[in-house]
PDB file of N, CA and C in Angstrom:
ATOM      1  N   UNK A   1     -68.654  61.808  10.332  1.00  0.00           N
ATOM      2  CA  UNK A   1     -68.983  62.422   9.059  1.00  0.00           C
ATOM      3  C   UNK A   1     -70.013  63.522   9.304  1.00  0.00           C
ATOM      4  N   UNK A   2     -69.754  64.674   8.759  1.00  0.00           N
ATOM      5  CA  UNK A   2     -70.703  65.777   8.866  1.00  0.00           C
ATOM      6  C   UNK A   2     -71.901  65.522   7.960  1.00  0.00           C
ATOM      7  N   UNK A   3     -73.055  66.028   8.381  1.00  0.00           N
ATOM      8  CA  UNK A   3     -74.267  65.821   7.600  1.00  0.00           C
ATOM      9  C   UNK A   3     -75.266  66.945   7.854  1.00  0.00           C
ATOM     10  N   UNK A   4     -76.289  66.967   7.041  1.00  0.00           N
ATOM     11  CA  UNK A   4     -77.467  67.780   7.277  1.00  0.00           C
ATOM     12  C   UNK A   4     -78.625  66.808   7.373  1.00  0.00           C
ATOM     13  N   UNK A   5     -79.421  66.921   8.436  1.00  0.00           N
ATOM     14  CA  UNK A   5     -80.553  66.012   8.608  1.00  0.00           C
ATOM     15  C   UNK A   5     -81.843  66.813   8.700  1.00  0.00           C
ATOM     16  N   UNK A   6     -82.943  66.156   8.377  1.00  0.00           N
ATOM     17  CA  UNK A   6     -84.266  66.768   8.438  1.00  0.00           C
ATOM     18  C   UNK A   6     -85.124  65.946   9.381  1.00  0.00           C
ATOM     19  N   UNK A   7     -85.757  66.641  10.331  1.00  0.00           N
ATOM     20  CA  UNK A   7     -86.593  65.974  11.340  1.00  0.00           C
ATOM     21  C   UNK A   7     -87.755  66.896  11.702  1.00  0.00           C
ATOM     22  N   UNK A   8     -88.882  66.299  12.045  1.00  0.00           N
ATOM     23  CA  UNK A   8     -90.042  67.068  12.483  1.00  0.00           C
ATOM     24  C   UNK A   8     -89.876  67.413  13.969  1.00  0.00           C
ATOM     25  N   UNK A   9     -89.959  68.715  14.280  1.00  0.00           N
ATOM     26  CA  UNK A   9     -89.813  69.209  15.637  1.00  0.00           C
ATOM     27  C   UNK A   9     -91.064  69.982  16.057  1.00  0.00           C
ATOM     28  N   UNK A  10     -91.364  70.004  17.364  1.00  0.00           N
ATOM     29  CA  UNK A  10     -92.359  70.956  17.849  1.00  0.00           C
ATOM     30  C   UNK A  10     -91.708  72.351  17.816  1.00  0.00           C
ATOM     31  N   UNK A  11     -92.464  73.351  17.392  1.00  0.00           N
ATOM     32  CA  UNK A  11     -91.931  74.702  17.203  1.00  0.00           C
ATOM     33  C   UNK A  11     -92.701  75.675  18.096  1.00  0.00           C
ATOM     34  N   UNK A  12     -91.991  76.618  18.740  1.00  0.00           N
ATOM     35  CA  UNK A  12     -92.668  77.645  19.524  1.00  0.00           C
ATOM     36  C   UNK A  12     -93.057  78.824  18.622  1.00  0.00           C
ATOM     37  N   UNK A  13     -93.636  79.863  19.187  1.00  0.00           N
ATOM     38  CA  UNK A  13     -94.128  80.965  18.365  1.00  0.00           C
ATOM     39  C   UNK A  13     -92.997  81.772  17.715  1.00  0.00           C
ATOM     40  N   UNK A  14     -91.750  81.545  18.136  1.00  0.00           N
ATOM     41  CA  UNK A  14     -90.593  82.232  17.543  1.00  0.00           C
ATOM     42  C   UNK A  14     -89.873  81.341  16.526  1.00  0.00           C
ATOM     43  N   UNK A  15     -90.516  80.261  16.096  1.00  0.00           N
ATOM     44  CA  UNK A  15     -89.971  79.305  15.126  1.00  0.00           C
ATOM     45  C   UNK A  15     -88.688  78.622  15.595  1.00  0.00           C
ATOM     46  N   UNK A  16     -88.608  78.378  16.898  1.00  0.00           N
ATOM     47  CA  UNK A  16     -87.476  77.636  17.470  1.00  0.00           C
ATOM     48  C   UNK A  16     -87.974  76.281  17.948  1.00  0.00           C
ATOM     49  N   UNK A  17     -87.102  75.277  17.992  1.00  0.00           N
ATOM     50  CA  UNK A  17     -87.535  74.005  18.566  1.00  0.00           C
ATOM     51  C   UNK A  17     -88.055  74.230  19.978  1.00  0.00           C
ATOM     52  N   UNK A  18     -89.251  73.704  20.261  1.00  0.00           N
ATOM     53  CA  UNK A  18     -89.874  73.912  21.565  1.00  0.00           C
ATOM     54  C   UNK A  18     -90.102  72.604  22.275  1.00  0.00           C
ATOM     55  N   UNK A  19     -91.049  72.616  23.211  1.00  0.00           N
ATOM     56  CA  UNK A  19     -91.308  71.421  24.004  1.00  0.00           C
ATOM     57  C   UNK A  19     -90.095  71.065  24.842  1.00  0.00           C
ATOM     58  N   UNK A  20     -89.767  69.778  24.938  1.00  0.00           N
ATOM     59  CA  UNK A  20     -88.602  69.405  25.742  1.00  0.00           C
ATOM     60  C   UNK A  20     -87.285  69.672  25.016  1.00  0.00           C
ATOM     61  N   UNK A  21     -87.321  70.261  23.808  1.00  0.00           N
ATOM     62  CA  UNK A  21     -86.091  70.676  23.118  1.00  0.00           C
ATOM     63  C   UNK A  21     -85.694  72.089  23.510  1.00  0.00           C
ATOM     64  N   UNK A  22     -86.428  72.696  24.428  1.00  0.00           N
ATOM     65  CA  UNK A  22     -86.185  74.081  24.818  1.00  0.00           C
ATOM     66  C   UNK A  22     -86.227  74.217  26.333  1.00  0.00           C
ATOM     67  N   UNK A  23     -85.500  75.201  26.855  1.00  0.00           N
ATOM     68  CA  UNK A  23     -85.553  75.497  28.277  1.00  0.00           C
ATOM     69  C   UNK A  23     -86.636  76.513  28.601  1.00  0.00           C
ATOM     70  N   UNK A  24     -87.173  77.190  27.589  1.00  0.00           N
ATOM     71  CA  UNK A  24     -88.228  78.183  27.839  1.00  0.00           C
ATOM     72  C   UNK A  24     -89.573  77.483  28.017  1.00  0.00           C
ATOM     73  N   UNK A  25     -90.470  78.161  28.655  1.00  0.00           N
ATOM     74  CA  UNK A  25     -91.780  77.589  28.961  1.00  0.00           C
ATOM     75  C   UNK A  25     -92.838  78.150  28.003  1.00  0.00           C
ATOM     76  N   UNK A  26     -92.546  78.140  26.718  1.00  0.00           N
ATOM     77  CA  UNK A  26     -93.496  78.628  25.725  1.00  0.00           C
ATOM     78  C   UNK A  26     -94.301  77.463  25.167  1.00  0.00           C
ATOM     79  N   UNK A  27     -95.565  77.697  24.861  1.00  0.00           N
ATOM     80  CA  UNK A  27     -96.372  76.609  24.286  1.00  0.00           C
ATOM     81  C   UNK A  27     -95.924  76.281  22.862  1.00  0.00           C
ATOM     82  N   UNK A  28     -96.211  75.057  22.458  1.00  0.00           N
ATOM     83  CA  UNK A  28     -95.904  74.622  21.092  1.00  0.00           C
ATOM     84  C   UNK A  28     -96.928  75.238  20.154  1.00  0.00           C
ATOM     85  N   UNK A  29     -96.453  75.934  19.139  1.00  0.00           N
ATOM     86  CA  UNK A  29     -97.337  76.597  18.180  1.00  0.00           C
ATOM     87  C   UNK A  29     -97.692  75.687  17.018  1.00  0.00           C
ATOM     88  N   UNK A  30     -96.734  74.844  16.620  1.00  0.00           N
ATOM     89  CA  UNK A  30     -96.954  73.950  15.478  1.00  0.00           C
ATOM     90  C   UNK A  30     -95.839  72.926  15.434  1.00  0.00           C
ATOM     91  N   UNK A  31     -95.938  72.022  14.482  1.00  0.00           N
ATOM     92  CA  UNK A  31     -94.861  71.071  14.192  1.00  0.00           C
ATOM     93  C   UNK A  31     -94.357  71.366  12.797  1.00  0.00           C
ATOM     94  N   UNK A  32     -93.043  71.334  12.623  1.00  0.00           N
ATOM     95  CA  UNK A  32     -92.467  71.620  11.308  1.00  0.00           C
ATOM     96  C   UNK A  32     -91.192  70.814  11.125  1.00  0.00           C
ATOM     97  N   UNK A  33     -90.886  70.526   9.860  1.00  0.00           N
ATOM     98  CA  UNK A  33     -89.633  69.851   9.538  1.00  0.00           C
ATOM     99  C   UNK A  33     -88.530  70.888   9.470  1.00  0.00           C
ATOM    100  N   UNK A  34     -87.478  70.640  10.227  1.00  0.00           N
ATOM    101  CA  UNK A  34     -86.311  71.516  10.235  1.00  0.00           C
ATOM    102  C   UNK A  34     -85.112  70.745   9.710  1.00  0.00           C
ATOM    103  N   UNK A  35     -84.258  71.422   8.973  1.00  0.00           N
ATOM    104  CA  UNK A  35     -82.981  70.856   8.539  1.00  0.00           C
ATOM    105  C   UNK A  35     -81.903  71.461   9.417  1.00  0.00           C
ATOM    106  N   UNK A  36     -81.098  70.587  10.016  1.00  0.00           N
ATOM    107  CA  UNK A  36     -80.070  71.034  10.950  1.00  0.00           C
ATOM    108  C   UNK A  36     -78.746  70.331  10.634  1.00  0.00           C
ATOM    109  N   UNK A  37     -77.659  70.933  11.089  1.00  0.00           N
ATOM    110  CA  UNK A  37     -76.330  70.366  10.915  1.00  0.00           C
ATOM    111  C   UNK A  37     -76.089  69.323  11.994  1.00  0.00           C
ATOM    112  N   UNK A  38     -75.465  68.217  11.595  1.00  0.00           N
ATOM    113  CA  UNK A  38     -75.188  67.158  12.544  1.00  0.00           C
ATOM    114  C   UNK A  38     -73.961  66.355  12.161  1.00  0.00           C
ATOM    115  N   UNK A  39     -73.748  65.300  12.912  1.00  0.00           N
ATOM    116  CA  UNK A  39     -72.644  64.391  12.662  1.00  0.00           C
ATOM    117  C   UNK A  39     -73.180  62.967  12.725  1.00  0.00           C
ATOM    118  N   UNK A  40     -72.869  62.165  11.728  1.00  0.00           N
ATOM    119  CA  UNK A  40     -73.319  60.776  11.694  1.00  0.00           C
ATOM    120  C   UNK A  40     -72.528  59.971  12.719  1.00  0.00           C
ATOM    121  N   UNK A  41     -73.245  59.284  13.603  1.00  0.00           N
ATOM    122  CA  UNK A  41     -72.613  58.449  14.619  1.00  0.00           C
ATOM    123  C   UNK A  41     -72.530  57.014  14.115  1.00  0.00           C
ATOM    124  N   UNK A  42     -73.661  56.475  13.657  1.00  0.00           N
ATOM    125  CA  UNK A  42     -73.705  55.120  13.105  1.00  0.00           C
ATOM    126  C   UNK A  42     -74.671  55.084  11.925  1.00  0.00           C
ATOM    127  N   UNK A  43     -74.464  54.105  11.050  1.00  0.00           N
ATOM    128  CA  UNK A  43     -75.361  53.859   9.927  1.00  0.00           C
ATOM    129  C   UNK A  43     -75.755  52.397   9.958  1.00  0.00           C
ATOM    130  N   UNK A  44     -77.069  52.129   9.914  1.00  0.00           N
ATOM    131  CA  UNK A  44     -77.590  50.779   9.858  1.00  0.00           C
ATOM    132  C   UNK A  44     -78.256  50.593   8.494  1.00  0.00           C
ATOM    133  N   UNK A  45     -77.525  49.962   7.570  1.00  0.00           N
ATOM    134  CA  UNK A  45     -78.034  49.795   6.208  1.00  0.00           C
ATOM    135  C   UNK A  45     -79.174  48.770   6.140  1.00  0.00           C
ATOM    136  N   UNK A  46     -79.232  47.840   7.079  1.00  0.00           N
ATOM    137  CA  UNK A  46     -80.316  46.860   7.086  1.00  0.00           C
ATOM    138  C   UNK A  46     -81.657  47.510   7.406  1.00  0.00           C
ATOM    139  N   UNK A  47     -81.647  48.448   8.369  1.00  0.00           N
ATOM    140  CA  UNK A  47     -82.881  49.127   8.763  1.00  0.00           C
ATOM    141  C   UNK A  47     -83.059  50.479   8.062  1.00  0.00           C
ATOM    142  N   UNK A  48     -82.064  50.881   7.275  1.00  0.00           N
ATOM    143  CA  UNK A  48     -82.080  52.167   6.558  1.00  0.00           C
ATOM    144  C   UNK A  48     -82.250  53.366   7.476  1.00  0.00           C
ATOM    145  N   UNK A  49     -81.529  53.342   8.608  1.00  0.00           N
ATOM    146  CA  UNK A  49     -81.531  54.483   9.512  1.00  0.00           C
ATOM    147  C   UNK A  49     -80.095  54.813   9.903  1.00  0.00           C
ATOM    148  N   UNK A  50     -79.890  56.018  10.367  1.00  0.00           N
ATOM    149  CA  UNK A  50     -78.589  56.344  10.935  1.00  0.00           C
ATOM    150  C   UNK A  50     -78.802  57.180  12.191  1.00  0.00           C
ATOM    151  N   UNK A  51     -77.883  57.058  13.111  1.00  0.00           N
ATOM    152  CA  UNK A  51     -77.901  57.849  14.326  1.00  0.00           C
ATOM    153  C   UNK A  51     -77.124  59.121  14.046  1.00  0.00           C
ATOM    154  N   UNK A  52     -77.767  60.251  14.320  1.00  0.00           N
ATOM    155  CA  UNK A  52     -77.177  61.560  14.041  1.00  0.00           C
ATOM    156  C   UNK A  52     -77.099  62.338  15.352  1.00  0.00           C
ATOM    157  N   UNK A  53     -75.976  63.008  15.577  1.00  0.00           N
ATOM    158  CA  UNK A  53     -75.811  63.883  16.734  1.00  0.00           C
ATOM    159  C   UNK A  53     -75.851  65.322  16.249  1.00  0.00           C
ATOM    160  N   UNK A  54     -76.784  66.109  16.778  1.00  0.00           N
ATOM    161  CA  UNK A  54     -76.923  67.508  16.398  1.00  0.00           C
ATOM    162  C   UNK A  54     -75.680  68.274  16.833  1.00  0.00           C
ATOM    163  N   UNK A  55     -75.140  69.110  15.946  1.00  0.00           N
ATOM    164  CA  UNK A  55     -73.906  69.824  16.254  1.00  0.00           C
ATOM    165  C   UNK A  55     -74.112  70.942  17.276  1.00  0.00           C
ATOM    166  N   UNK A  56     -75.243  71.607  17.209  1.00  0.00           N
ATOM    167  CA  UNK A  56     -75.470  72.749  18.090  1.00  0.00           C
ATOM    168  C   UNK A  56     -75.896  72.337  19.498  1.00  0.00           C
ATOM    169  N   UNK A  57     -76.780  71.353  19.610  1.00  0.00           N
ATOM    170  CA  UNK A  57     -77.381  71.007  20.902  1.00  0.00           C
ATOM    171  C   UNK A  57     -76.976  69.652  21.459  1.00  0.00           C
ATOM    172  N   UNK A  58     -76.207  68.840  20.740  1.00  0.00           N
ATOM    173  CA  UNK A  58     -75.785  67.508  21.169  1.00  0.00           C
ATOM    174  C   UNK A  58     -76.937  66.522  21.339  1.00  0.00           C
ATOM    175  N   UNK A  59     -78.082  66.789  20.710  1.00  0.00           N
ATOM    176  CA  UNK A  59     -79.172  65.816  20.708  1.00  0.00           C
ATOM    177  C   UNK A  59     -78.794  64.661  19.794  1.00  0.00           C
ATOM    178  N   UNK A  60     -79.269  63.455  20.083  1.00  0.00           N
ATOM    179  CA  UNK A  60     -79.051  62.306  19.198  1.00  0.00           C
ATOM    180  C   UNK A  60     -80.397  61.755  18.757  1.00  0.00           C
ATOM    181  N   UNK A  61     -80.498  61.483  17.451  1.00  0.00           N
ATOM    182  CA  UNK A  61     -81.728  60.975  16.869  1.00  0.00           C
ATOM    183  C   UNK A  61     -81.413  59.826  15.929  1.00  0.00           C
ATOM    184  N   UNK A  62     -82.374  58.900  15.779  1.00  0.00           N
ATOM    185  CA  UNK A  62     -82.338  57.904  14.715  1.00  0.00           C
ATOM    186  C   UNK A  62     -83.158  58.471  13.571  1.00  0.00           C
ATOM    187  N   UNK A  63     -82.511  58.712  12.442  1.00  0.00           N
ATOM    188  CA  UNK A  63     -83.128  59.380  11.308  1.00  0.00           C
ATOM    189  C   UNK A  63     -83.108  58.416  10.111  1.00  0.00           C
ATOM    190  N   UNK A  64     -84.210  58.343   9.341  1.00  0.00           N
ATOM    191  CA  UNK A  64     -84.176  57.534   8.113  1.00  0.00           C
ATOM    192  C   UNK A  64     -83.078  58.049   7.171  1.00  0.00           C
ATOM    193  N   UNK A  65     -82.399  57.118   6.500  1.00  0.00           N
ATOM    194  CA  UNK A  65     -81.287  57.511   5.629  1.00  0.00           C
ATOM    195  C   UNK A  65     -81.688  58.510   4.550  1.00  0.00           C
ATOM    196  N   UNK A  66     -82.951  58.424   4.070  1.00  0.00           N
ATOM    197  CA  UNK A  66     -83.361  59.356   3.017  1.00  0.00           C
ATOM    198  C   UNK A  66     -83.491  60.798   3.524  1.00  0.00           C
ATOM    199  N   UNK A  67     -83.460  60.999   4.856  1.00  0.00           N
ATOM    200  CA  UNK A  67     -83.553  62.346   5.428  1.00  0.00           C
ATOM    201  C   UNK A  67     -82.195  62.874   5.892  1.00  0.00           C
ATOM    202  N   UNK A  68     -81.121  62.191   5.501  1.00  0.00           N
ATOM    203  CA  UNK A  68     -79.773  62.592   5.894  1.00  0.00           C
ATOM    204  C   UNK A  68     -78.930  62.813   4.643  1.00  0.00           C
ATOM    205  N   UNK A  69     -78.272  63.949   4.570  1.00  0.00           N
ATOM    206  CA  UNK A  69     -77.341  64.243   3.482  1.00  0.00           C
ATOM    207  C   UNK A  69     -75.944  64.291   4.082  1.00  0.00           C
ATOM    208  N   UNK A  70     -75.105  63.327   3.709  1.00  0.00           N
ATOM    209  CA  UNK A  70     -73.738  63.261   4.207  1.00  0.00           C
ATOM    210  C   UNK A  70     -72.881  64.186   3.372  1.00  0.00           C
ATOM    211  N   UNK A  71     -72.124  65.050   4.061  1.00  0.00           N
ATOM    212  CA  UNK A  71     -71.304  66.044   3.362  1.00  0.00           C
ATOM    213  C   UNK A  71     -69.976  65.446   2.946  1.00  0.00           C
ATOM    214  N   UNK A  72     -69.448  65.981   1.878  1.00  0.00           N
ATOM    215  CA  UNK A  72     -68.156  65.583   1.342  1.00  0.00           C
ATOM    216  C   UNK A  72     -67.089  66.398   2.093  1.00  0.00           C
ATOM    217  N   UNK A  73     -66.284  65.744   2.951  1.00  0.00           N
ATOM    218  CA  UNK A  73     -65.386  66.460   3.843  1.00  0.00           C
ATOM    219  C   UNK A  73     -63.943  66.583   3.366  1.00  0.00           C
ATOM    220  N   UNK A  74     -63.653  66.144   2.185  1.00  0.00           N
ATOM    221  CA  UNK A  74     -62.265  66.247   1.753  1.00  0.00           C
ATOM    222  C   UNK A  74     -62.050  67.524   0.973  1.00  0.00           C
ATOM    223  N   UNK A  75     -60.828  68.059   1.049  1.00  0.00           N
ATOM    224  CA  UNK A  75     -60.483  69.270   0.301  1.00  0.00           C
ATOM    225  C   UNK A  75     -59.909  68.895  -1.045  1.00  0.00           C
ATOM    226  N   UNK A  76     -60.318  69.623  -2.067  1.00  0.00           N
ATOM    227  CA  UNK A  76     -59.800  69.352  -3.410  1.00  0.00           C
ATOM    228  C   UNK A  76     -58.488  70.096  -3.589  1.00  0.00           C
ATOM    229  N   UNK A  77     -57.531  69.435  -4.217  1.00  0.00           N
ATOM    230  CA  UNK A  77     -56.216  70.040  -4.412  1.00  0.00           C
ATOM    231  C   UNK A  77     -56.215  70.983  -5.603  1.00  0.00           C
TER     232      UNK A  77
END
């Protein structure tokens, strides 16, 4: 299932994910919440988390369900 998730990332001076999320050797300028496109891998309703795989970078994160918006993937006739 496609989704949009929100997670706090370290950001470099060009507002890109930095630290070990980047291959460049730029210092971390700040931390910020970013919303990114992903795909839901699993949902754990007991713990209220889901595993999300980032579409662009193939990173996997456990994200609280309230920070994930699952997209409606069906086409209307």
